[in-house]
All heavy atoms as atom14 arrays in JSON, in Angstrom:
{
  "sequence": "DVTGIVVGVGPGPYTGLRVGLMTATTFGAARGIPVHGLCTLDGVAYAA",
  "atom14_mask": [
    [1, 1, 1, 1, 1, 1, 1, 1, 0, 0, 0, 0, 0, 0],
    [1, 1, 1, 1, 1, 1, 1, 0, 0, 0, 0, 0, 0, 0],
    [1, 1, 1, 1, 1, 1, 1, 0, 0, 0, 0, 0, 0, 0],
    [1, 1, 1, 1, 0, 0, 0, 0, 0, 0, 0, 0, 0, 0],
    [1, 1, 1, 1, 1, 1, 1, 1, 0, 0, 0, 0, 0, 0],
    [1, 1, 1, 1, 1, 1, 1, 0, 0, 0, 0, 0, 0, 0],
    [1, 1, 1, 1, 1, 1, 1, 0, 0, 0, 0, 0, 0, 0],
    [1, 1, 1, 1, 0, 0, 0, 0, 0, 0, 0, 0, 0, 0],
    [1, 1, 1, 1, 1, 1, 1, 0, 0, 0, 0, 0, 0, 0],
    [1, 1, 1, 1, 0, 0, 0, 0, 0, 0, 0, 0, 0, 0],
    [1, 1, 1, 1, 1, 1, 1, 0, 0, 0, 0, 0, 0, 0],
    [1, 1, 1, 1, 0, 0, 0, 0, 0, 0, 0, 0, 0, 0],
    [1, 1, 1, 1, 1, 1, 1, 0, 0, 0, 0, 0, 0, 0],
    [1, 1, 1, 1, 1, 1, 1, 1, 1, 1, 1, 1, 0, 0],
    [1, 1, 1, 1, 1, 1, 1, 0, 0, 0, 0, 0, 0, 0],
    [1, 1, 1, 1, 0, 0, 0, 0, 0, 0, 0, 0, 0, 0],
    [1, 1, 1, 1, 1, 1, 1, 1, 0, 0, 0, 0, 0, 0],
    [1, 1, 1, 1, 1, 1, 1, 1, 1, 1, 1, 0, 0, 0],
    [1, 1, 1, 1, 1, 1, 1, 0, 0, 0, 0, 0, 0, 0],
    [1, 1, 1, 1, 0, 0, 0, 0, 0, 0, 0, 0, 0, 0],
    [1, 1, 1, 1, 1, 1, 1, 1, 0, 0, 0, 0, 0, 0],
    [1, 1, 1, 1, 1, 1, 1, 1, 0, 0, 0, 0, 0, 0],
    [1, 1, 1, 1, 1, 1, 1, 0, 0, 0, 0, 0, 0, 0],
    [1, 1, 1, 1, 1, 0, 0, 0, 0, 0, 0, 0, 0, 0],
    [1, 1, 1, 1, 1, 1, 1, 0, 0, 0, 0, 0, 0, 0],
    [1, 1, 1, 1, 1, 1, 1, 0, 0, 0, 0, 0, 0, 0],
    [1, 1, 1, 1, 1, 1, 1, 1, 1, 1, 1, 0, 0, 0],
    [1, 1, 1, 1, 0, 0, 0, 0, 0, 0, 0, 0, 0, 0],
    [1, 1, 1, 1, 1, 0, 0, 0, 0, 0, 0, 0, 0, 0],
    [1, 1, 1, 1, 1, 0, 0, 0, 0, 0, 0, 0, 0, 0],
    [1, 1, 1, 1, 1, 1, 1, 1, 1, 1, 1, 0, 0, 0],
    [1, 1, 1, 1, 0, 0, 0, 0, 0, 0, 0, 0, 0, 0],
    [1, 1, 1, 1, 1, 1, 1, 1, 0, 0, 0, 0, 0, 0],
    [1, 1, 1, 1, 1, 1, 1, 0, 0, 0, 0, 0, 0, 0],
    [1, 1, 1, 1, 1, 1, 1, 0, 0, 0, 0, 0, 0, 0],
    [1, 1, 1, 1, 1, 1, 1, 1, 1, 1, 0, 0, 0, 0],
    [1, 1, 1, 1, 0, 0, 0, 0, 0, 0, 0, 0, 0, 0],
    [1, 1, 1, 1, 1, 1, 1, 1, 0, 0, 0, 0, 0, 0],
    [1, 1, 1, 1, 1, 1, 0, 0, 0, 0, 0, 0, 0, 0],
    [1, 1, 1, 1, 1, 1, 1, 0, 0, 0, 0, 0, 0, 0],
    [1, 1, 1, 1, 1, 1, 1, 1, 0, 0, 0, 0, 0, 0],
    [1, 1, 1, 1, 1, 1, 1, 1, 0, 0, 0, 0, 0, 0],
    [1, 1, 1, 1, 0, 0, 0, 0, 0, 0, 0, 0, 0, 0],
    [1, 1, 1, 1, 1, 1, 1, 0, 0, 0, 0, 0, 0, 0],
    [1, 1, 1, 1, 1, 0, 0, 0, 0, 0, 0, 0, 0, 0],
    [1, 1, 1, 1, 1, 1, 1, 1, 1, 1, 1, 1, 0, 0],
    [1, 1, 1, 1, 1, 0, 0, 0, 0, 0, 0, 0, 0, 0],
    [1, 1, 1, 1, 1, 0, 0, 0, 0, 0, 0, 0, 0, 0]
  ],
  "atom14_positions": [
    [[0.87, -1.22, -0.06], [-0.06, 0.03, 0.02], [0.88, 1.31, 0.04], [0.34, 2.32, -0.34], [-0.97, 0.01, 1.3], [-1.87, -1.17, 1.35], [-2.4, -1.43, 0.24], [-2.1, -1.72, 2.49], [0.0, 0.0, 0.0], [0.0, 0.0, 0.0], [0.0, 0.0, 0.0], [0.0, 0.0, 0.0], [0.0, 0.0, 0.0], [0.0, 0.0, 0.0]],
    [[2.11, 1.14, 0.39], [2.98, 2.32, 0.47], [3.27, 2.97, -0.87], [3.57, 2.13, -1.8], [4.31, 1.96, 1.26], [5.3, 3.0, 1.31], [3.96, 1.48, 2.77], [0.0, 0.0, 0.0], [0.0, 0.0, 0.0], [0.0, 0.0, 0.0], [0.0, 0.0, 0.0], [0.0, 0.0, 0.0], [0.0, 0.0, 0.0], [0.0, 0.0, 0.0]],
    [[3.23, 4.25, -0.92], [3.54, 4.97, -2.21], [4.85, 5.61, -2.24], [5.35, 5.94, -3.25], [2.51, 6.09, -2.37], [2.41, 6.91, -1.5], [1.02, 5.33, -2.48], [0.0, 0.0, 0.0], [0.0, 0.0, 0.0], [0.0, 0.0, 0.0], [0.0, 0.0, 0.0], [0.0, 0.0, 0.0], [0.0, 0.0, 0.0], [0.0, 0.0, 0.0]],
    [[5.6, 5.67, -1.0], [6.84, 6.35, -1.08], [7.54, 6.09, 0.29], [6.89, 5.81, 1.29], [0.0, 0.0, 0.0], [0.0, 0.0, 0.0], [0.0, 0.0, 0.0], [0.0, 0.0, 0.0], [0.0, 0.0, 0.0], [0.0, 0.0, 0.0], [0.0, 0.0, 0.0], [0.0, 0.0, 0.0], [0.0, 0.0, 0.0], [0.0, 0.0, 0.0]],
    [[8.8, 6.05, 0.24], [9.76, 5.8, 1.48], [10.43, 7.12, 1.72], [10.88, 7.71, 0.89], [10.71, 4.69, 1.15], [10.04, 3.39, 0.59], [11.46, 4.34, 2.46], [9.1, 2.69, 1.48], [0.0, 0.0, 0.0], [0.0, 0.0, 0.0], [0.0, 0.0, 0.0], [0.0, 0.0, 0.0], [0.0, 0.0, 0.0], [0.0, 0.0, 0.0]],
    [[10.44, 7.4, 3.08], [11.15, 8.55, 3.53], [12.32, 8.01, 4.42], [12.04, 7.26, 5.37], [10.33, 9.55, 4.31], [11.03, 10.71, 4.84], [9.16, 9.96, 3.39], [0.0, 0.0, 0.0], [0.0, 0.0, 0.0], [0.0, 0.0, 0.0], [0.0, 0.0, 0.0], [0.0, 0.0, 0.0], [0.0, 0.0, 0.0], [0.0, 0.0, 0.0]],
    [[13.53, 8.52, 4.29], [14.57, 7.86, 5.03], [15.59, 8.99, 5.51], [15.9, 9.86, 4.66], [15.4, 6.79, 4.32], [15.99, 7.3, 3.13], [16.4, 6.24, 5.21], [0.0, 0.0, 0.0], [0.0, 0.0, 0.0], [0.0, 0.0, 0.0], [0.0, 0.0, 0.0], [0.0, 0.0, 0.0], [0.0, 0.0, 0.0], [0.0, 0.0, 0.0]],
    [[16.01, 8.95, 6.79], [16.93, 9.94, 7.18], [18.29, 9.47, 6.94], [18.68, 8.33, 6.93], [0.0, 0.0, 0.0], [0.0, 0.0, 0.0], [0.0, 0.0, 0.0], [0.0, 0.0, 0.0], [0.0, 0.0, 0.0], [0.0, 0.0, 0.0], [0.0, 0.0, 0.0], [0.0, 0.0, 0.0], [0.0, 0.0, 0.0], [0.0, 0.0, 0.0]],
    [[19.0, 10.53, 6.14], [20.33, 10.08, 5.6], [21.49, 10.52, 6.46], [22.68, 10.33, 6.07], [20.57, 10.91, 4.27], [19.35, 10.46, 3.22], [20.66, 12.32, 4.3], [0.0, 0.0, 0.0], [0.0, 0.0, 0.0], [0.0, 0.0, 0.0], [0.0, 0.0, 0.0], [0.0, 0.0, 0.0], [0.0, 0.0, 0.0], [0.0, 0.0, 0.0]],
    [[21.29, 10.92, 7.6], [22.23, 11.31, 8.5], [22.41, 12.88, 8.7], [21.4, 13.55, 8.17], [0.0, 0.0, 0.0], [0.0, 0.0, 0.0], [0.0, 0.0, 0.0], [0.0, 0.0, 0.0], [0.0, 0.0, 0.0], [0.0, 0.0, 0.0], [0.0, 0.0, 0.0], [0.0, 0.0, 0.0], [0.0, 0.0, 0.0], [0.0, 0.0, 0.0]],
    [[23.4, 13.43, 9.14], [24.66, 12.65, 9.53], [24.52, 11.75, 10.71], [23.7, 11.9, 11.53], [25.68, 13.77, 9.91], [24.7, 14.86, 10.34], [23.52, 14.83, 9.56], [0.0, 0.0, 0.0], [0.0, 0.0, 0.0], [0.0, 0.0, 0.0], [0.0, 0.0, 0.0], [0.0, 0.0, 0.0], [0.0, 0.0, 0.0], [0.0, 0.0, 0.0]],
    [[25.43, 10.61, 10.69], [25.31, 9.57, 11.63], [26.52, 8.72, 11.59], [27.23, 8.68, 10.53], [0.0, 0.0, 0.0], [0.0, 0.0, 0.0], [0.0, 0.0, 0.0], [0.0, 0.0, 0.0], [0.0, 0.0, 0.0], [0.0, 0.0, 0.0], [0.0, 0.0, 0.0], [0.0, 0.0, 0.0], [0.0, 0.0, 0.0], [0.0, 0.0, 0.0]],
    [[26.71, 7.85, 12.64], [27.85, 6.91, 12.54], [27.61, 5.97, 11.47], [26.44, 5.51, 11.09], [27.69, 6.26, 13.96], [26.99, 7.22, 14.84], [26.03, 7.98, 13.98], [0.0, 0.0, 0.0], [0.0, 0.0, 0.0], [0.0, 0.0, 0.0], [0.0, 0.0, 0.0], [0.0, 0.0, 0.0], [0.0, 0.0, 0.0], [0.0, 0.0, 0.0]],
    [[28.68, 5.29, 11.01], [28.61, 4.46, 9.71], [27.76, 3.28, 9.81], [26.75, 3.27, 8.93], [30.18, 3.99, 9.6], [30.34, 3.14, 8.37], [30.61, 3.74, 7.09], [30.31, 1.75, 8.25], [30.74, 3.11, 5.89], [30.64, 1.1, 7.15], [30.78, 1.72, 5.97], [30.96, 0.97, 4.78], [0.0, 0.0, 0.0], [0.0, 0.0, 0.0]],
    [[27.82, 2.37, 10.81], [27.13, 1.06, 10.79], [25.61, 1.44, 10.91], [24.74, 0.99, 10.11], [27.58, 0.17, 11.8], [28.93, 0.07, 11.62], [26.91, -1.11, 11.66], [0.0, 0.0, 0.0], [0.0, 0.0, 0.0], [0.0, 0.0, 0.0], [0.0, 0.0, 0.0], [0.0, 0.0, 0.0], [0.0, 0.0, 0.0], [0.0, 0.0, 0.0]],
    [[25.21, 2.12, 11.93], [23.77, 2.39, 12.27], [23.02, 2.97, 11.02], [21.94, 2.67, 10.7], [0.0, 0.0, 0.0], [0.0, 0.0, 0.0], [0.0, 0.0, 0.0], [0.0, 0.0, 0.0], [0.0, 0.0, 0.0], [0.0, 0.0, 0.0], [0.0, 0.0, 0.0], [0.0, 0.0, 0.0], [0.0, 0.0, 0.0], [0.0, 0.0, 0.0]],
    [[23.65, 4.02, 10.54], [23.06, 4.79, 9.4], [22.89, 3.93, 8.18], [21.85, 4.06, 7.56], [24.14, 5.89, 9.08], [23.72, 6.88, 7.88], [22.25, 7.51, 8.19], [24.63, 8.05, 7.64], [0.0, 0.0, 0.0], [0.0, 0.0, 0.0], [0.0, 0.0, 0.0], [0.0, 0.0, 0.0], [0.0, 0.0, 0.0], [0.0, 0.0, 0.0]],
    [[23.7, 3.02, 7.89], [23.6, 2.21, 6.66], [22.41, 1.2, 6.77], [21.87, 0.81, 5.91], [24.86, 1.38, 6.4], [25.94, 2.26, 5.97], [27.26, 1.52, 5.59], [27.02, 0.6, 4.4], [27.13, 1.02, 3.12], [27.46, 2.27, 2.86], [26.92, 0.16, 2.16], [0.0, 0.0, 0.0], [0.0, 0.0, 0.0], [0.0, 0.0, 0.0]],
    [[22.07, 0.74, 8.06], [20.94, -0.14, 8.35], [19.71, 0.55, 7.64], [18.88, -0.14, 6.93], [20.81, -0.5, 9.7], [19.5, -1.22, 9.95], [21.96, -1.22, 10.2], [0.0, 0.0, 0.0], [0.0, 0.0, 0.0], [0.0, 0.0, 0.0], [0.0, 0.0, 0.0], [0.0, 0.0, 0.0], [0.0, 0.0, 0.0], [0.0, 0.0, 0.0]],
    [[19.41, 1.73, 8.04], [18.05, 2.34, 7.57], [18.25, 2.63, 6.14], [17.15, 2.39, 5.46], [0.0, 0.0, 0.0], [0.0, 0.0, 0.0], [0.0, 0.0, 0.0], [0.0, 0.0, 0.0], [0.0, 0.0, 0.0], [0.0, 0.0, 0.0], [0.0, 0.0, 0.0], [0.0, 0.0, 0.0], [0.0, 0.0, 0.0], [0.0, 0.0, 0.0]],
    [[19.36, 3.15, 5.64], [19.36, 3.5, 4.25], [19.35, 2.25, 3.38], [18.53, 2.27, 2.33], [20.7, 4.15, 3.99], [20.71, 5.59, 4.26], [22.17, 6.18, 4.45], [19.94, 6.51, 3.45], [0.0, 0.0, 0.0], [0.0, 0.0, 0.0], [0.0, 0.0, 0.0], [0.0, 0.0, 0.0], [0.0, 0.0, 0.0], [0.0, 0.0, 0.0]],
    [[20.01, 1.17, 3.64], [19.76, -0.04, 2.87], [18.42, -0.63, 2.83], [17.89, -1.15, 1.85], [20.79, -1.1, 3.38], [22.3, -0.77, 3.08], [22.62, -0.52, 1.31], [22.17, -2.22, 0.68], [0.0, 0.0, 0.0], [0.0, 0.0, 0.0], [0.0, 0.0, 0.0], [0.0, 0.0, 0.0], [0.0, 0.0, 0.0], [0.0, 0.0, 0.0]],
    [[17.82, -0.63, 4.09], [16.42, -1.08, 4.13], [15.46, -0.12, 3.29], [14.66, -0.62, 2.59], [15.95, -0.97, 5.65], [16.8, -1.79, 6.42], [14.48, -1.49, 5.66], [0.0, 0.0, 0.0], [0.0, 0.0, 0.0], [0.0, 0.0, 0.0], [0.0, 0.0, 0.0], [0.0, 0.0, 0.0], [0.0, 0.0, 0.0], [0.0, 0.0, 0.0]],
    [[15.61, 1.12, 3.33], [14.78, 2.03, 2.47], [14.94, 1.73, 1.09], [13.96, 1.66, 0.38], [15.08, 3.43, 2.99], [0.0, 0.0, 0.0], [0.0, 0.0, 0.0], [0.0, 0.0, 0.0], [0.0, 0.0, 0.0], [0.0, 0.0, 0.0], [0.0, 0.0, 0.0], [0.0, 0.0, 0.0], [0.0, 0.0, 0.0], [0.0, 0.0, 0.0]],
    [[16.27, 1.64, 0.62], [16.54, 1.51, -0.85], [15.99, 0.12, -1.29], [15.53, -0.04, -2.48], [17.89, 1.78, -1.17], [18.78, 0.86, -0.35], [18.4, 3.25, -0.85], [0.0, 0.0, 0.0], [0.0, 0.0, 0.0], [0.0, 0.0, 0.0], [0.0, 0.0, 0.0], [0.0, 0.0, 0.0], [0.0, 0.0, 0.0], [0.0, 0.0, 0.0]],
    [[16.06, -0.82, -0.46], [15.58, -2.09, -0.74], [14.04, -2.12, -1.01], [13.58, -2.69, -2.03], [15.93, -3.18, 0.23], [17.41, -3.23, 0.21], [15.43, -4.6, -0.21], [0.0, 0.0, 0.0], [0.0, 0.0, 0.0], [0.0, 0.0, 0.0], [0.0, 0.0, 0.0], [0.0, 0.0, 0.0], [0.0, 0.0, 0.0], [0.0, 0.0, 0.0]],
    [[13.41, -1.49, 0.01], [11.85, -1.4, -0.09], [11.59, -0.64, -1.49], [10.67, -1.03, -2.23], [11.39, -0.62, 1.09], [11.26, -1.54, 2.34], [11.15, -0.91, 3.62], [11.3, -2.87, 2.31], [10.98, -1.52, 4.64], [11.27, -3.59, 3.48], [10.99, -2.73, 4.67], [0.0, 0.0, 0.0], [0.0, 0.0, 0.0], [0.0, 0.0, 0.0]],
    [[12.27, 0.44, -1.62], [11.98, 1.17, -2.77], [12.15, 0.37, -4.16], [11.29, 0.55, -5.07], [0.0, 0.0, 0.0], [0.0, 0.0, 0.0], [0.0, 0.0, 0.0], [0.0, 0.0, 0.0], [0.0, 0.0, 0.0], [0.0, 0.0, 0.0], [0.0, 0.0, 0.0], [0.0, 0.0, 0.0], [0.0, 0.0, 0.0], [0.0, 0.0, 0.0]],
    [[13.36, -0.26, -4.13], [13.55, -1.05, -5.38], [12.59, -2.18, -5.63], [12.09, -2.55, -6.64], [14.95, -1.66, -5.4], [0.0, 0.0, 0.0], [0.0, 0.0, 0.0], [0.0, 0.0, 0.0], [0.0, 0.0, 0.0], [0.0, 0.0, 0.0], [0.0, 0.0, 0.0], [0.0, 0.0, 0.0], [0.0, 0.0, 0.0], [0.0, 0.0, 0.0]],
    [[12.19, -2.98, -4.46], [11.37, -3.95, -4.58], [9.85, -3.58, -5.03], [9.1, -4.3, -5.74], [11.21, -4.72, -3.3], [0.0, 0.0, 0.0], [0.0, 0.0, 0.0], [0.0, 0.0, 0.0], [0.0, 0.0, 0.0], [0.0, 0.0, 0.0], [0.0, 0.0, 0.0], [0.0, 0.0, 0.0], [0.0, 0.0, 0.0], [0.0, 0.0, 0.0]],
    [[9.46, -2.43, -4.49], [8.14, -1.97, -4.89], [8.04, -1.12, -6.01], [6.99, -0.76, -6.51], [7.61, -1.27, -3.61], [7.21, -2.12, -2.4], [5.85, -2.76, -2.71], [4.86, -1.6, -2.7], [4.06, -1.36, -3.75], [4.27, -2.0, -4.93], [3.2, -0.23, -3.73], [0.0, 0.0, 0.0], [0.0, 0.0, 0.0], [0.0, 0.0, 0.0]],
    [[9.25, -0.53, -6.45], [9.25, 0.41, -7.64], [8.66, 1.73, -7.2], [7.93, 2.32, -8.01], [0.0, 0.0, 0.0], [0.0, 0.0, 0.0], [0.0, 0.0, 0.0], [0.0, 0.0, 0.0], [0.0, 0.0, 0.0], [0.0, 0.0, 0.0], [0.0, 0.0, 0.0], [0.0, 0.0, 0.0], [0.0, 0.0, 0.0], [0.0, 0.0, 0.0]],
    [[8.95, 2.16, -6.03], [8.47, 3.44, -5.52], [9.57, 4.44, -5.07], [10.82, 3.86, -4.8], [7.43, 3.29, -4.35], [8.12, 2.56, -3.18], [6.12, 2.57, -4.79], [7.25, 2.31, -1.89], [0.0, 0.0, 0.0], [0.0, 0.0, 0.0], [0.0, 0.0, 0.0], [0.0, 0.0, 0.0], [0.0, 0.0, 0.0], [0.0, 0.0, 0.0]],
    [[9.36, 5.69, -5.02], [10.43, 6.64, -4.86], [10.94, 6.52, -3.32], [10.09, 6.32, -2.42], [9.87, 7.99, -5.16], [8.36, 7.83, -5.0], [8.1, 6.4, -5.43], [0.0, 0.0, 0.0], [0.0, 0.0, 0.0], [0.0, 0.0, 0.0], [0.0, 0.0, 0.0], [0.0, 0.0, 0.0], [0.0, 0.0, 0.0], [0.0, 0.0, 0.0]],
    [[12.28, 6.9, -3.16], [12.88, 6.97, -1.87], [13.36, 8.33, -1.6], [14.19, 8.72, -2.33], [14.0, 5.91, -1.67], [14.53, 5.95, -0.27], [13.46, 4.47, -1.96], [0.0, 0.0, 0.0], [0.0, 0.0, 0.0], [0.0, 0.0, 0.0], [0.0, 0.0, 0.0], [0.0, 0.0, 0.0], [0.0, 0.0, 0.0], [0.0, 0.0, 0.0]],
    [[12.77, 8.99, -0.59], [13.06, 10.4, -0.37], [14.0, 10.52, 0.73], [13.67, 10.24, 1.91], [11.8, 11.24, -0.08], [10.79, 11.0, -1.17], [10.82, 11.55, -2.43], [9.5, 10.47, -1.08], [9.79, 11.22, -3.21], [8.98, 10.65, -2.36], [0.0, 0.0, 0.0], [0.0, 0.0, 0.0], [0.0, 0.0, 0.0], [0.0, 0.0, 0.0]],
    [[15.22, 11.03, 0.58], [16.15, 11.4, 1.64], [15.9, 12.59, 2.3], [15.7, 13.64, 1.64], [0.0, 0.0, 0.0], [0.0, 0.0, 0.0], [0.0, 0.0, 0.0], [0.0, 0.0, 0.0], [0.0, 0.0, 0.0], [0.0, 0.0, 0.0], [0.0, 0.0, 0.0], [0.0, 0.0, 0.0], [0.0, 0.0, 0.0], [0.0, 0.0, 0.0]],
    [[16.02, 12.65, 3.69], [16.0, 13.98, 4.37], [17.15, 13.92, 5.42], [17.43, 12.97, 5.95], [14.71, 14.07, 5.17], [13.47, 14.43, 4.21], [12.16, 14.33, 5.14], [13.61, 15.72, 3.73], [0.0, 0.0, 0.0], [0.0, 0.0, 0.0], [0.0, 0.0, 0.0], [0.0, 0.0, 0.0], [0.0, 0.0, 0.0], [0.0, 0.0, 0.0]],
    [[17.68, 15.18, 5.58], [18.74, 15.35, 6.63], [18.03, 14.91, 8.05], [17.03, 15.54, 8.31], [19.24, 16.63, 6.61], [20.34, 17.03, 7.98], [0.0, 0.0, 0.0], [0.0, 0.0, 0.0], [0.0, 0.0, 0.0], [0.0, 0.0, 0.0], [0.0, 0.0, 0.0], [0.0, 0.0, 0.0], [0.0, 0.0, 0.0], [0.0, 0.0, 0.0]],
    [[18.61, 14.01, 8.7], [18.18, 13.59, 10.06], [18.05, 14.92, 11.01], [17.06, 14.89, 11.77], [19.22, 12.64, 10.77], [19.13, 11.4, 9.91], [18.76, 12.33, 12.12], [0.0, 0.0, 0.0], [0.0, 0.0, 0.0], [0.0, 0.0, 0.0], [0.0, 0.0, 0.0], [0.0, 0.0, 0.0], [0.0, 0.0, 0.0], [0.0, 0.0, 0.0]],
    [[19.04, 15.79, 10.85], [18.9, 16.96, 11.8], [17.59, 17.7, 11.51], [17.01, 18.41, 12.36], [20.14, 17.86, 11.73], [21.51, 17.25, 11.99], [22.56, 18.26, 11.81], [21.57, 16.73, 13.37], [0.0, 0.0, 0.0], [0.0, 0.0, 0.0], [0.0, 0.0, 0.0], [0.0, 0.0, 0.0], [0.0, 0.0, 0.0], [0.0, 0.0, 0.0]],
    [[17.21, 17.77, 10.26], [16.0, 18.51, 9.79], [14.77, 17.86, 10.5], [13.79, 18.57, 10.82], [15.78, 18.43, 8.31], [16.9, 19.27, 7.58], [17.65, 19.9, 8.26], [16.79, 19.19, 6.3], [0.0, 0.0, 0.0], [0.0, 0.0, 0.0], [0.0, 0.0, 0.0], [0.0, 0.0, 0.0], [0.0, 0.0, 0.0], [0.0, 0.0, 0.0]],
    [[14.85, 16.48, 10.74], [13.66, 15.99, 11.43], [13.57, 16.3, 12.9], [12.48, 16.42, 13.45], [0.0, 0.0, 0.0], [0.0, 0.0, 0.0], [0.0, 0.0, 0.0], [0.0, 0.0, 0.0], [0.0, 0.0, 0.0], [0.0, 0.0, 0.0], [0.0, 0.0, 0.0], [0.0, 0.0, 0.0], [0.0, 0.0, 0.0], [0.0, 0.0, 0.0]],
    [[14.68, 16.39, 13.43], [14.86, 16.88, 14.86], [14.32, 18.27, 14.9], [13.49, 18.64, 15.88], [16.22, 16.72, 15.59], [16.19, 17.15, 16.9], [16.75, 15.24, 15.32], [0.0, 0.0, 0.0], [0.0, 0.0, 0.0], [0.0, 0.0, 0.0], [0.0, 0.0, 0.0], [0.0, 0.0, 0.0], [0.0, 0.0, 0.0], [0.0, 0.0, 0.0]],
    [[14.73, 19.13, 14.02], [14.24, 20.52, 13.99], [12.82, 20.61, 13.78], [12.08, 21.54, 14.39], [15.02, 21.32, 12.9], [0.0, 0.0, 0.0], [0.0, 0.0, 0.0], [0.0, 0.0, 0.0], [0.0, 0.0, 0.0], [0.0, 0.0, 0.0], [0.0, 0.0, 0.0], [0.0, 0.0, 0.0], [0.0, 0.0, 0.0], [0.0, 0.0, 0.0]],
    [[12.23, 19.82, 12.95], [10.79, 19.82, 12.62], [9.98, 19.52, 13.96], [8.99, 20.16, 14.31], [10.42, 18.89, 11.55], [9.07, 19.07, 11.03], [8.65, 20.1, 10.1], [7.96, 18.2, 11.42], [7.4, 20.14, 9.49], [6.76, 18.4, 10.97], [6.39, 19.22, 10.01], [5.13, 19.41, 9.58], [0.0, 0.0, 0.0], [0.0, 0.0, 0.0]],
    [[10.51, 18.44, 14.61], [9.93, 18.0, 15.89], [10.04, 19.04, 16.86], [9.19, 19.28, 17.89], [10.47, 16.67, 16.33], [0.0, 0.0, 0.0], [0.0, 0.0, 0.0], [0.0, 0.0, 0.0], [0.0, 0.0, 0.0], [0.0, 0.0, 0.0], [0.0, 0.0, 0.0], [0.0, 0.0, 0.0], [0.0, 0.0, 0.0], [0.0, 0.0, 0.0]],
    [[11.17, 19.76, 16.89], [11.45, 20.92, 17.89], [10.43, 21.98, 17.67], [9.82, 22.58, 18.52], [12.84, 21.46, 17.74], [0.0, 0.0, 0.0], [0.0, 0.0, 0.0], [0.0, 0.0, 0.0], [0.0, 0.0, 0.0], [0.0, 0.0, 0.0], [0.0, 0.0, 0.0], [0.0, 0.0, 0.0], [0.0, 0.0, 0.0], [0.0, 0.0, 0.0]]
  ]
}
C-alpha cells in the first residue's frame, strides 16, 4: 500500500546509518516506488 519511502540520511555513525538506508532503498527497489532522503537533523528541527 505504501506509495513512497522517507529515510533519514544522517549525519550519523557509519554502521547504524547504513541499516536504515539499505532497508529504505531495498523497499523502494522491490516496490518500484520513490525513496526520499532527508537530513536527520531536519527531522529533529521539525519536531522541535
